[in-house]
């Protein structure tokens, strides 16, 4: 994610944005809903990551033309978007990692003994 609040470099590029709390670089990916009935505003969302290294999606073994993923530590933060003709509730999605479906529990750490 480019830091649009920071100064431009001499070549015109911008530095990468960093998380204000952790200092880690910020990354983002666009997630697309494969539902043919999804509306134009529902078809995709952006998920942001604060991580030392760029998150890499798992290998696509699904047979679908897109790669199914599971987000680890996914949070949804509501905010008021007042850039349009009238304010609306919008969402900011953040995660700590993305993994193959069903592998999120393995990334979350050891499970407690029952």
N, C-alpha and C. Protein backbone atom coordinates (compact mmCIF):
# COMPACT_ATOMS: atom_id res chain seq x y z
N UNK A 1 0.85 -1.17 0.00
CA UNK A 1 0.00 0.00 0.00
C UNK A 1 0.90 1.23 0.00
N UNK A 2 0.67 2.09 -0.94
CA UNK A 2 1.45 3.32 -1.02
C UNK A 2 1.00 4.30 0.07
N UNK A 3 1.96 5.02 0.62
CA UNK A 3 1.69 6.02 1.65
C UNK A 3 1.42 7.36 0.96
N UNK A 4 0.15 7.67 0.72
CA UNK A 4 -0.20 8.90 0.02
C UNK A 4 -0.09 10.13 0.91
N UNK A 5 0.11 9.94 2.22
CA UNK A 5 0.32 11.07 3.12
C UNK A 5 1.79 11.44 3.23
N UNK A 6 2.67 10.55 2.77
CA UNK A 6 4.10 10.80 2.83
C UNK A 6 4.59 11.53 1.59
N UNK A 7 5.83 11.95 1.65
CA UNK A 7 6.42 12.67 0.51
C UNK A 7 6.75 11.70 -0.61
N UNK A 8 6.70 12.21 -1.83
CA UNK A 8 7.08 11.41 -2.99
C UNK A 8 8.60 11.30 -3.04
N UNK A 9 9.09 10.19 -3.58
CA UNK A 9 10.52 10.01 -3.81
C UNK A 9 10.91 10.81 -5.04
N UNK A 10 12.20 10.93 -5.28
CA UNK A 10 12.67 11.71 -6.43
C UNK A 10 12.18 11.13 -7.75
N UNK A 11 11.90 9.81 -7.80
CA UNK A 11 11.41 9.19 -9.04
C UNK A 11 9.88 9.27 -9.14
N UNK A 12 9.21 9.91 -8.18
CA UNK A 12 7.77 10.06 -8.22
C UNK A 12 7.00 8.98 -7.48
N UNK A 13 7.67 7.90 -7.09
CA UNK A 13 6.99 6.82 -6.36
C UNK A 13 6.80 7.22 -4.90
N UNK A 14 6.02 6.42 -4.21
CA UNK A 14 5.77 6.68 -2.79
C UNK A 14 6.24 5.50 -1.95
N UNK A 15 6.60 5.79 -0.73
CA UNK A 15 7.01 4.73 0.20
C UNK A 15 5.79 3.90 0.57
N UNK A 16 6.08 2.69 1.09
CA UNK A 16 5.00 1.82 1.54
C UNK A 16 4.43 2.33 2.85
N UNK A 17 3.11 2.24 2.98
CA UNK A 17 2.44 2.66 4.21
C UNK A 17 2.73 1.63 5.30
N UNK A 18 2.83 2.10 6.54
CA UNK A 18 3.07 1.22 7.69
C UNK A 18 1.94 1.37 8.71
N UNK A 19 1.67 0.30 9.45
CA UNK A 19 0.67 0.30 10.50
C UNK A 19 1.14 1.23 11.61
N UNK A 20 0.27 2.12 12.05
CA UNK A 20 0.63 3.10 13.07
C UNK A 20 0.93 2.48 14.41
N UNK A 21 0.28 1.35 14.73
CA UNK A 21 0.46 0.72 16.04
C UNK A 21 1.66 -0.23 16.08
N UNK A 22 1.85 -1.02 15.01
CA UNK A 22 2.90 -2.04 15.04
C UNK A 22 4.15 -1.64 14.27
N UNK A 23 4.02 -0.67 13.37
CA UNK A 23 5.15 -0.28 12.53
C UNK A 23 5.39 -1.23 11.36
N UNK A 24 4.55 -2.28 11.23
CA UNK A 24 4.72 -3.25 10.15
C UNK A 24 4.21 -2.68 8.83
N UNK A 25 4.82 -3.10 7.71
CA UNK A 25 4.33 -2.66 6.40
C UNK A 25 2.90 -3.12 6.18
N UNK A 26 2.12 -2.33 5.44
CA UNK A 26 0.74 -2.68 5.10
C UNK A 26 0.66 -3.21 3.69
N UNK A 27 -0.12 -4.28 3.53
CA UNK A 27 -0.36 -4.93 2.25
C UNK A 27 -1.86 -5.01 2.07
N UNK A 28 -2.32 -5.19 0.84
CA UNK A 28 -3.75 -5.35 0.62
C UNK A 28 -4.00 -6.28 -0.56
N UNK A 29 -5.18 -6.91 -0.53
CA UNK A 29 -5.60 -7.72 -1.66
C UNK A 29 -7.09 -7.49 -1.86
N UNK A 30 -7.53 -7.64 -3.10
CA UNK A 30 -8.94 -7.51 -3.42
C UNK A 30 -9.54 -8.90 -3.48
N UNK A 31 -10.62 -9.11 -2.75
CA UNK A 31 -11.30 -10.39 -2.69
C UNK A 31 -12.56 -10.28 -3.54
N UNK A 32 -12.75 -11.22 -4.44
CA UNK A 32 -13.88 -11.17 -5.37
C UNK A 32 -14.89 -12.25 -5.00
N UNK A 33 -16.15 -11.88 -4.98
CA UNK A 33 -17.24 -12.81 -4.72
C UNK A 33 -17.60 -13.47 -6.04
N UNK A 34 -17.51 -14.79 -6.13
CA UNK A 34 -17.79 -15.52 -7.34
C UNK A 34 -19.27 -15.74 -7.62
N UNK A 35 -20.14 -15.22 -6.77
CA UNK A 35 -21.58 -15.38 -6.95
C UNK A 35 -22.04 -14.55 -8.15
N UNK A 36 -22.61 -15.22 -9.15
CA UNK A 36 -23.07 -14.53 -10.35
C UNK A 36 -24.19 -13.53 -10.06
N UNK A 37 -24.91 -13.71 -8.96
CA UNK A 37 -26.01 -12.82 -8.61
C UNK A 37 -25.55 -11.64 -7.73
N UNK A 38 -24.27 -11.59 -7.40
CA UNK A 38 -23.77 -10.49 -6.56
C UNK A 38 -23.90 -9.17 -7.31
N UNK A 39 -24.32 -8.15 -6.60
CA UNK A 39 -24.46 -6.82 -7.20
C UNK A 39 -23.11 -6.18 -7.42
N UNK A 40 -23.09 -5.13 -8.20
CA UNK A 40 -21.85 -4.43 -8.55
C UNK A 40 -21.07 -3.97 -7.32
N UNK A 41 -21.78 -3.50 -6.29
CA UNK A 41 -21.11 -3.04 -5.07
C UNK A 41 -20.75 -4.19 -4.14
N UNK A 42 -21.27 -5.36 -4.41
CA UNK A 42 -21.03 -6.51 -3.53
C UNK A 42 -19.97 -7.45 -4.08
N UNK A 43 -19.45 -7.19 -5.27
CA UNK A 43 -18.61 -8.17 -5.94
C UNK A 43 -17.20 -8.28 -5.34
N UNK A 44 -16.71 -7.24 -4.72
CA UNK A 44 -15.36 -7.33 -4.18
C UNK A 44 -15.13 -6.40 -3.01
N UNK A 45 -14.21 -6.81 -2.14
CA UNK A 45 -13.79 -5.99 -1.02
C UNK A 45 -12.27 -6.06 -0.92
N UNK A 46 -11.70 -5.07 -0.27
CA UNK A 46 -10.26 -5.04 -0.05
C UNK A 46 -9.97 -5.47 1.38
N UNK A 47 -9.01 -6.36 1.55
CA UNK A 47 -8.58 -6.80 2.87
C UNK A 47 -7.14 -6.33 3.06
N UNK A 48 -6.86 -5.69 4.20
CA UNK A 48 -5.53 -5.17 4.49
C UNK A 48 -4.82 -6.07 5.50
N UNK A 49 -3.50 -6.14 5.37
CA UNK A 49 -2.65 -6.94 6.26
C UNK A 49 -1.52 -6.07 6.78
N UNK A 50 -1.18 -6.20 8.05
CA UNK A 50 0.03 -5.61 8.61
C UNK A 50 0.97 -6.79 8.85
N UNK A 51 2.01 -6.89 8.02
CA UNK A 51 2.91 -8.04 8.10
C UNK A 51 4.30 -7.65 7.63
N UNK A 52 5.30 -8.29 8.20
CA UNK A 52 6.68 -8.00 7.82
C UNK A 52 6.93 -8.32 6.34
N UNK A 53 6.31 -9.41 5.87
CA UNK A 53 6.48 -9.82 4.48
C UNK A 53 5.12 -9.90 3.80
N UNK A 54 5.11 -9.73 2.48
CA UNK A 54 3.87 -9.77 1.72
C UNK A 54 3.20 -11.14 1.86
N UNK A 55 1.93 -11.17 2.28
CA UNK A 55 1.21 -12.45 2.36
C UNK A 55 1.08 -13.05 0.95
N UNK A 56 1.24 -14.36 0.88
CA UNK A 56 1.17 -15.06 -0.41
C UNK A 56 -0.02 -16.01 -0.36
N UNK A 57 -0.91 -15.92 -1.37
CA UNK A 57 -2.06 -16.84 -1.37
C UNK A 57 -1.60 -18.28 -1.55
N UNK A 58 -2.37 -19.23 -1.05
CA UNK A 58 -2.01 -20.64 -1.22
C UNK A 58 -2.15 -21.06 -2.69
N UNK A 59 -1.58 -22.19 -3.02
CA UNK A 59 -1.71 -22.74 -4.37
C UNK A 59 -3.18 -23.06 -4.63
N UNK A 60 -3.63 -22.78 -5.84
CA UNK A 60 -5.03 -23.05 -6.19
C UNK A 60 -5.17 -24.50 -6.62
N UNK A 61 -5.76 -25.31 -5.75
CA UNK A 61 -6.01 -26.73 -6.03
C UNK A 61 -7.51 -26.99 -6.15
N UNK A 62 -8.31 -25.93 -6.29
CA UNK A 62 -9.76 -26.05 -6.21
C UNK A 62 -10.44 -26.42 -7.53
N UNK A 63 -9.82 -26.12 -8.66
CA UNK A 63 -10.49 -26.29 -9.93
C UNK A 63 -11.30 -25.07 -10.33
N UNK A 64 -11.43 -24.10 -9.45
CA UNK A 64 -12.10 -22.84 -9.77
C UNK A 64 -11.11 -21.91 -10.48
N UNK A 65 -11.61 -20.93 -11.23
CA UNK A 65 -10.70 -19.98 -11.87
C UNK A 65 -10.12 -18.95 -10.90
N UNK A 66 -10.54 -18.97 -9.63
CA UNK A 66 -10.00 -18.11 -8.60
C UNK A 66 -9.50 -18.98 -7.46
N UNK A 67 -8.69 -18.42 -6.60
CA UNK A 67 -8.11 -19.17 -5.48
C UNK A 67 -8.93 -18.95 -4.22
N UNK A 68 -9.59 -19.99 -3.69
CA UNK A 68 -10.30 -19.84 -2.42
C UNK A 68 -9.29 -19.64 -1.29
N UNK A 69 -9.59 -18.72 -0.38
CA UNK A 69 -8.71 -18.47 0.76
C UNK A 69 -9.54 -18.34 2.03
N UNK A 70 -8.86 -18.52 3.14
CA UNK A 70 -9.44 -18.27 4.47
C UNK A 70 -8.57 -17.20 5.12
N UNK A 71 -9.21 -16.22 5.72
CA UNK A 71 -8.46 -15.17 6.37
C UNK A 71 -8.30 -15.49 7.85
N UNK A 72 -7.08 -15.34 8.35
CA UNK A 72 -6.77 -15.56 9.76
C UNK A 72 -6.84 -14.21 10.46
N UNK A 73 -7.52 -14.19 11.59
CA UNK A 73 -7.61 -12.96 12.38
C UNK A 73 -8.38 -11.86 11.67
N UNK A 74 -9.40 -12.22 10.91
CA UNK A 74 -10.17 -11.24 10.15
C UNK A 74 -11.03 -10.38 11.08
N UNK A 75 -10.95 -9.07 10.90
CA UNK A 75 -11.81 -8.14 11.62
C UNK A 75 -12.48 -7.21 10.61
N UNK A 76 -13.68 -6.77 10.94
CA UNK A 76 -14.43 -5.83 10.11
C UNK A 76 -14.71 -4.59 10.94
N UNK A 77 -14.21 -3.46 10.49
CA UNK A 77 -14.37 -2.21 11.22
C UNK A 77 -15.30 -1.28 10.45
N UNK A 78 -16.46 -0.92 11.01
CA UNK A 78 -17.37 0.00 10.32
C UNK A 78 -16.86 1.44 10.43
N UNK A 79 -17.14 2.24 9.40
CA UNK A 79 -16.84 3.67 9.44
C UNK A 79 -17.85 4.40 8.56
N UNK A 80 -17.94 5.69 8.71
CA UNK A 80 -18.85 6.50 7.91
C UNK A 80 -18.09 7.02 6.70
N UNK A 81 -18.55 6.65 5.51
CA UNK A 81 -17.96 7.12 4.26
C UNK A 81 -18.82 8.30 3.80
N UNK A 82 -18.25 9.50 3.87
CA UNK A 82 -19.02 10.68 3.47
C UNK A 82 -18.49 11.29 2.18
N UNK A 83 -17.91 10.47 1.30
CA UNK A 83 -17.38 10.95 0.04
C UNK A 83 -18.45 11.07 -1.05
N UNK A 84 -19.59 10.44 -0.88
CA UNK A 84 -20.64 10.47 -1.89
C UNK A 84 -21.64 11.59 -1.65
N UNK A 85 -22.79 11.45 -2.31
CA UNK A 85 -23.84 12.45 -2.17
C UNK A 85 -24.44 12.44 -0.77
N UNK A 86 -24.45 11.26 -0.14
CA UNK A 86 -24.93 11.18 1.25
C UNK A 86 -24.07 10.17 1.99
N UNK A 87 -23.84 10.39 3.28
CA UNK A 87 -23.00 9.48 4.06
C UNK A 87 -23.59 8.07 4.10
N UNK A 88 -22.70 7.08 4.19
CA UNK A 88 -23.13 5.69 4.29
C UNK A 88 -22.16 4.94 5.19
N UNK A 89 -22.63 3.81 5.72
CA UNK A 89 -21.76 2.95 6.52
C UNK A 89 -20.92 2.12 5.55
N UNK A 90 -19.61 2.12 5.75
CA UNK A 90 -18.70 1.32 4.94
C UNK A 90 -17.89 0.45 5.90
N UNK A 91 -17.12 -0.48 5.33
CA UNK A 91 -16.38 -1.43 6.15
C UNK A 91 -14.92 -1.47 5.75
N UNK A 92 -14.05 -1.59 6.74
CA UNK A 92 -12.63 -1.79 6.52
C UNK A 92 -12.30 -3.18 7.06
N UNK A 93 -11.75 -4.03 6.19
CA UNK A 93 -11.43 -5.41 6.58
C UNK A 93 -9.93 -5.55 6.77
N UNK A 94 -9.55 -6.19 7.86
CA UNK A 94 -8.14 -6.44 8.17
C UNK A 94 -7.97 -7.89 8.60
N UNK A 95 -6.82 -8.46 8.26
CA UNK A 95 -6.51 -9.84 8.64
C UNK A 95 -5.02 -9.94 8.94
N UNK A 96 -4.64 -11.00 9.62
CA UNK A 96 -3.22 -11.21 9.92
C UNK A 96 -2.55 -12.10 8.88
N UNK A 97 -3.35 -12.92 8.16
CA UNK A 97 -2.77 -13.82 7.15
C UNK A 97 -3.88 -14.37 6.27
N UNK A 98 -3.52 -15.00 5.16
CA UNK A 98 -4.47 -15.74 4.35
C UNK A 98 -3.89 -17.11 4.07
N UNK A 99 -4.74 -18.14 4.17
CA UNK A 99 -4.31 -19.53 4.05
C UNK A 99 -5.34 -20.29 3.22
N UNK A 100 -5.02 -21.54 2.90
CA UNK A 100 -5.98 -22.40 2.22
C UNK A 100 -7.17 -22.65 3.14
N UNK A 101 -8.39 -22.78 2.60
CA UNK A 101 -9.55 -23.04 3.44
C UNK A 101 -9.34 -24.24 4.36
N UNK A 102 -9.72 -24.08 5.61
CA UNK A 102 -9.56 -25.14 6.60
C UNK A 102 -8.23 -25.13 7.32
N UNK A 103 -7.31 -24.26 6.90
CA UNK A 103 -5.98 -24.21 7.51
C UNK A 103 -5.84 -23.07 8.52
N UNK A 104 -6.88 -22.26 8.68
CA UNK A 104 -6.80 -21.10 9.57
C UNK A 104 -6.56 -21.47 11.02
N UNK A 105 -7.13 -22.57 11.48
CA UNK A 105 -6.92 -23.02 12.86
C UNK A 105 -5.47 -23.38 13.13
N UNK A 106 -4.80 -23.92 12.14
CA UNK A 106 -3.39 -24.30 12.29
C UNK A 106 -2.51 -23.07 12.48
N UNK A 107 -2.87 -21.95 11.84
CA UNK A 107 -2.10 -20.72 11.96
C UNK A 107 -2.38 -20.00 13.27
N UNK A 108 -3.54 -20.29 13.88
CA UNK A 108 -3.95 -19.58 15.09
C UNK A 108 -3.18 -20.05 16.32
N UNK A 109 -2.45 -21.13 16.22
CA UNK A 109 -1.68 -21.61 17.36
C UNK A 109 -2.22 -22.93 17.85
N UNK A 110 -1.55 -23.53 18.85
CA UNK A 110 -2.00 -24.82 19.35
C UNK A 110 -3.37 -24.74 19.99
N UNK A 111 -4.15 -25.78 19.82
CA UNK A 111 -5.47 -25.83 20.41
C UNK A 111 -5.37 -26.31 21.85
N UNK A 112 -6.26 -25.78 22.66
CA UNK A 112 -6.27 -26.17 24.07
C UNK A 112 -6.77 -27.59 24.21
N UNK A 113 -6.21 -28.31 25.15
CA UNK A 113 -6.65 -29.69 25.40
C UNK A 113 -8.04 -29.68 26.02
N UNK A 114 -8.87 -30.60 25.59
CA UNK A 114 -10.24 -30.65 26.11
C UNK A 114 -10.32 -31.55 27.32
